[in-house]
Protein backbone atom coordinates (compact mmCIF):
# COMPACT_ATOMS: atom_id res chain seq x y z
CA MET A 1 -0.10 0.36 -0.14
CA LEU A 2 1.62 3.26 -1.11
CA LEU A 3 0.65 6.50 0.90
CA GLY A 4 1.18 10.09 -0.53
CA ASP A 5 -0.52 13.21 0.12
CA SER A 6 -1.00 16.51 -2.54
CA THR A 7 2.08 18.37 -1.06
CA GLY A 8 4.02 15.58 -2.55
CA LYS A 9 5.57 13.85 0.33
CA LYS A 10 5.51 10.12 0.35
CA TYR A 11 5.38 8.11 3.55
CA PRO A 12 6.72 4.54 3.76
CA PRO A 13 5.05 2.08 2.42
CA PHE A 14 3.20 -0.92 4.00
CA VAL A 15 3.73 -4.35 2.46
CA VAL A 16 1.66 -7.87 3.15
CA PHE A 17 2.95 -10.88 2.68
CA LYS A 18 0.82 -14.00 1.87
CA VAL A 19 1.84 -16.45 5.23
CA ARG A 20 0.66 -19.26 6.42
CA PRO A 21 -0.69 -19.27 10.37
CA SER A 22 0.90 -20.93 12.90
CA SER A 23 -1.81 -24.45 13.08
CA VAL A 24 -1.15 -24.00 17.01
CA GLU A 25 -3.60 -21.32 18.12
CA GLU A 26 -1.21 -20.31 21.26
CA ARG A 27 1.85 -19.20 18.70
CA ARG A 28 -0.75 -17.91 16.39
CA GLY A 29 -1.78 -15.19 18.70
CA GLU A 30 1.92 -15.20 20.30
CA ASN A 31 2.69 -14.02 16.25
CA HIS A 32 0.38 -11.96 15.65
CA ASP A 33 0.19 -9.57 18.75
CA ALA A 34 4.07 -9.57 18.62
CA ARG A 35 5.48 -10.03 15.02
CA HIS A 36 2.25 -8.48 12.54
CA GLY A 37 1.84 -12.60 12.21
CA PHE A 38 4.94 -13.87 11.59
CA SER A 39 6.61 -16.75 12.89
CA ALA A 40 9.80 -15.96 15.19
CA ASN A 41 12.18 -16.75 12.26
CA MET A 42 10.21 -15.37 9.33
CA TRP A 43 10.14 -11.66 11.74
CA ARG A 44 13.46 -11.85 12.67
CA LYS A 45 15.15 -13.57 9.09
CA ASP A 46 13.14 -11.07 6.54
CA ALA A 47 9.82 -8.75 8.12
CA LEU A 48 11.94 -6.98 10.88
CA PRO A 49 15.53 -6.61 8.31
CA ALA A 50 13.25 -4.67 6.03
CA GLN A 51 11.01 -2.19 8.59
CA ASN A 52 14.87 -1.36 10.42
CA ASN A 53 16.21 -1.50 6.62
CA PHE A 54 13.68 0.89 5.26
CA GLY A 55 11.28 2.29 7.42
CA MET A 56 8.53 0.30 6.13
CA GLN A 57 5.84 -1.36 7.90
CA VAL A 58 5.96 -5.45 7.07
CA TYR A 59 2.73 -7.56 7.84
CA ALA A 60 1.69 -11.37 7.37
CA ASN A 61 -1.53 -12.21 5.75
CA ALA A 62 -2.89 -14.64 7.87
CA LYS A 63 -5.84 -16.65 6.28
CA ASP A 64 -8.42 -17.47 8.69
CA ARG A 65 -9.25 -14.00 9.32
CA PRO A 66 -12.30 -13.28 11.67
CA GLN A 67 -15.51 -12.30 10.30
CA PRO A 68 -16.53 -9.42 10.22
CA CYS A 69 -18.48 -7.85 12.57
CA GLU A 70 -20.46 -5.28 10.58
CA PRO A 71 -21.10 -5.77 6.78
CA VAL A 72 -18.58 -4.21 4.64
CA LEU A 73 -18.16 -2.48 0.74
CA LEU A 74 -15.78 -3.51 -1.23
CA LEU A 75 -14.92 -1.47 -4.57
CA LEU A 76 -12.60 -3.16 -7.29
CA ASP A 77 -11.69 -2.64 -10.45
CA ASP A 78 -13.13 -4.49 -13.74
CA PHE A 79 -9.76 -6.95 -13.49
CA SER A 80 -12.00 -10.53 -14.15
CA GLY A 81 -9.82 -11.86 -11.46
CA HIS A 82 -11.63 -10.28 -8.75
CA TRP A 83 -15.32 -11.37 -10.06
CA SER A 84 -14.76 -14.96 -10.23
CA LYS A 85 -17.34 -17.22 -9.26
CA GLU A 86 -14.96 -17.91 -5.90
CA VAL A 87 -14.65 -14.79 -5.28
CA THR A 88 -18.04 -13.44 -5.26
CA GLU A 89 -19.43 -16.46 -3.33
CA TYR A 90 -16.66 -16.29 -0.62
CA ALA A 91 -17.54 -12.50 -0.10
CA ASP A 92 -21.37 -12.95 -0.01
CA GLU A 93 -20.38 -16.03 3.08
CA ILE A 94 -18.73 -13.45 5.39
CA GLY A 95 -21.24 -10.52 4.55
CA VAL A 96 -18.59 -8.60 2.12
CA THR A 97 -20.70 -6.31 -0.41
CA LEU A 98 -18.51 -6.34 -4.27
CA MET A 99 -19.50 -3.20 -6.57
CA LYS A 100 -17.35 -2.53 -9.90
CA VAL A 101 -16.11 0.61 -10.17
CA PRO A 102 -16.50 0.76 -13.90
CA PRO A 103 -13.91 0.03 -16.98
CA ASN A 104 -11.05 2.83 -17.23
CA ALA A 105 -12.70 4.97 -14.12
CA THR A 106 -10.03 4.15 -11.40
CA SER A 107 -7.55 6.35 -13.53
CA VAL A 108 -9.69 9.13 -13.37
CA CYS A 109 -10.69 8.71 -8.70
CA GLN A 110 -7.54 7.12 -7.60
CA SER A 111 -4.21 9.13 -7.24
CA ALA A 112 -2.07 6.26 -7.36
CA ASP A 113 -3.66 4.44 -10.69
CA ALA A 114 -3.96 8.21 -12.03
CA THR A 115 0.10 8.59 -12.43
CA TRP A 116 1.78 7.22 -9.60
CA ASN A 117 1.73 2.97 -10.38
CA GLY A 118 2.94 2.94 -14.11
CA PRO A 119 6.10 4.68 -13.31
CA LEU A 120 6.66 2.47 -9.69
CA LYS A 121 5.50 -0.68 -11.83
CA THR A 122 7.94 -0.16 -14.48
CA ARG A 123 10.56 0.24 -11.52
CA LEU A 124 9.79 -2.95 -10.36
CA ARG A 125 10.03 -4.75 -13.28
CA ASN A 126 13.16 -3.28 -14.24
CA LEU A 127 15.01 -4.78 -11.13
CA TRP A 128 13.23 -8.28 -11.53
CA ILE A 129 14.98 -8.29 -15.16
CA HIS A 130 18.15 -7.18 -13.69
CA ASP A 131 17.97 -10.24 -11.29
CA LEU A 132 16.95 -12.40 -13.83
CA ARG A 133 19.73 -11.51 -15.78
CA VAL A 134 22.75 -11.65 -12.91
CA GLN A 135 21.56 -15.26 -12.29
CA LEU A 136 21.82 -16.14 -16.27
CA GLN A 137 24.97 -14.39 -16.44
CA ALA A 138 26.38 -16.08 -13.56
CA ARG A 139 24.88 -19.33 -14.31
CA THR A 140 27.80 -22.16 -15.56
CA PRO A 141 26.56 -24.14 -18.58
CA ASP A 142 25.57 -27.62 -18.78
CA ILE A 143 25.26 -27.75 -15.08
CA PRO A 144 21.94 -28.14 -13.30
CA PHE A 145 20.27 -24.77 -12.88
CA LYS A 146 17.10 -22.40 -11.55
CA LEU A 147 15.95 -19.46 -11.59
CA GLN A 148 15.08 -18.69 -8.38
CA PRO A 149 12.53 -16.09 -7.19
CA PRO A 150 13.43 -12.61 -5.19
CA ASP A 151 12.81 -13.75 -0.85
CA ARG A 152 10.93 -10.97 0.99
CA LYS A 153 13.90 -9.37 1.70
CA HIS A 154 14.45 -8.24 -2.05
CA LEU A 155 10.77 -7.38 -1.99
CA CYS A 156 10.89 -5.12 -0.13
CA SER A 157 13.83 -3.64 -1.08
CA TRP A 158 13.18 -3.29 -4.39
CA ILE A 159 9.31 -1.91 -3.40
CA ASN A 160 12.00 0.88 -0.95
CA ASP A 161 14.11 1.30 -4.35
CA ALA A 162 11.14 1.75 -6.55
CA TRP A 163 8.69 4.48 -4.25
CA ASN A 164 11.64 5.95 -3.13
CA LYS A 165 12.31 7.09 -6.86
CA THR A 166 8.90 8.19 -7.00
CA THR A 167 9.20 12.17 -7.87
CA VAL A 168 6.94 14.57 -5.75
CA GLU A 169 6.14 15.63 -9.38
CA THR A 170 4.79 12.73 -10.01
CA VAL A 171 2.50 11.90 -6.63
CA VAL A 172 1.60 15.80 -6.79
CA SER A 173 0.05 14.93 -10.46
CA GLY A 174 -2.07 12.36 -9.52
CA PHE A 175 -4.27 14.50 -7.16
CA LYS A 176 -4.04 17.40 -10.09
CA LYS A 177 -5.19 14.45 -12.86
CA CYS A 178 -7.90 13.38 -10.13
CA ASN A 179 -9.09 17.11 -9.87
CA LEU A 180 -8.59 16.22 -6.32
CA LEU A 181 -6.76 19.94 -5.91
CA HIS A 182 -8.63 23.17 -5.10
CA GLY A 183 -7.94 25.66 -7.68
CA SER A 184 -5.15 23.65 -9.06
CA SER A 185 -4.43 24.46 -13.09
CA GLY A 186 -5.13 20.53 -13.87
CA GLU A 187 -1.63 20.51 -15.38
CA GLN A 188 0.41 16.99 -14.94
CA VAL A 189 3.56 16.17 -14.81
CA GLY A 190 3.74 12.85 -16.28
CA GLU A 191 7.01 10.59 -15.37
CA VAL A 192 8.83 8.67 -17.94
CA VAL A 193 10.69 5.46 -16.90
CA GLN A 194 12.41 3.68 -19.62
CA VAL A 195 11.81 0.25 -19.64
CA GLU A 196 14.69 -2.44 -19.62
CA ASP A 197 14.70 -4.46 -22.88
CA ALA A 198 14.03 -8.45 -21.80
CA ALA A 199 14.74 -9.74 -25.03
CA ASP A 200 18.17 -10.98 -24.15
CA ILE A 201 16.66 -12.36 -20.95
CA VAL A 202 13.37 -14.20 -22.71
CA GLU A 203 16.15 -15.86 -25.12
CA GLU A 204 19.12 -16.88 -22.41
CA ALA A 205 16.42 -18.71 -20.25
CA LYS A 206 14.86 -20.33 -23.34
CA ARG A 207 18.34 -21.92 -23.73
CA SER A 208 18.92 -23.13 -20.18
CA LYS A 209 15.13 -24.51 -20.28
CA GLN A 210 14.08 -22.37 -17.88
CA THR A 211 10.96 -21.31 -19.54
CA ASP A 212 7.39 -23.68 -19.71
CA GLU A 213 6.80 -25.25 -22.41
CA VAL A 214 2.90 -26.27 -21.92
CA LEU A 215 0.88 -23.47 -20.75
CA GLY A 216 -1.75 -25.27 -19.74
CA GLU A 217 -5.62 -24.08 -19.76
CA PHE A 218 -7.04 -20.60 -19.85
CA SER A 219 -9.54 -18.37 -19.94
CA LEU A 220 -10.15 -15.62 -22.25
CA ASP A 221 -12.68 -14.39 -19.58
CA GLU A 222 -10.61 -14.32 -16.72
CA ASP A 223 -7.26 -14.40 -18.21
CA PHE A 224 -7.00 -11.70 -20.34
CA ASP A 225 -8.18 -7.84 -19.76
CA ASP A 226 -11.15 -6.33 -21.62
CA ALA A 227 -8.85 -4.73 -24.43
CA PHE A 228 -7.88 -7.87 -25.18
CA GLN A 229 -10.65 -9.84 -25.19
CA ALA A 230 -11.83 -7.12 -27.27
CA LEU A 231 -9.71 -7.35 -29.81
CA THR A 232 -9.38 -10.65 -30.01
CA LEU A 233 -13.03 -11.52 -30.50
CA HIS A 234 -12.79 -8.65 -33.63
CA ASP A 235 -10.10 -10.60 -35.30
């Protein structure tokens, strides 16, 4: 979760990781109260260093959260994954009412969607591409090799780096674009971040047999956005 205000000031982000809660009730309560839901080992190894080094708040997302005592209204964008049968049935089960924000509307009502997310996601992608490139270049030919995903500390480092490089002008322009600044001229300052070329990564991953040869089943409705669906159906 990214936090910024209309002056352009940025605040430390909140990061939430999916973590399976302890099966021991007493330990589960201790993890929740003392370590943001992490086990002692994960807290010491990943979460606490990230908080100390970057000033961010790091939490574990326990999957057994209690049912809310009052009805909850949850606004979601038009991404098809938010509206699968499983999601809507579970929302109804726990007393959450889902409401869909119309397509393309989030970019004019949420500052983060308006101008923050584009540059931030590009920077995160560039860091990921760099990490893949380093791993592939360091491998020894003819020796079994497997690409390793980033651990929690690396992910926190990437998020911190990408957010720190987001300019004040970019943060302010999000509020301007959404007309949330009184007396604003509406002028928007767009931030352009160079996209890292990943062509060499793809080819090297193929040569080292790091790509999936079988994609498996997929659904046009659930795995692709509306724009791609429209283009596919038109063609």
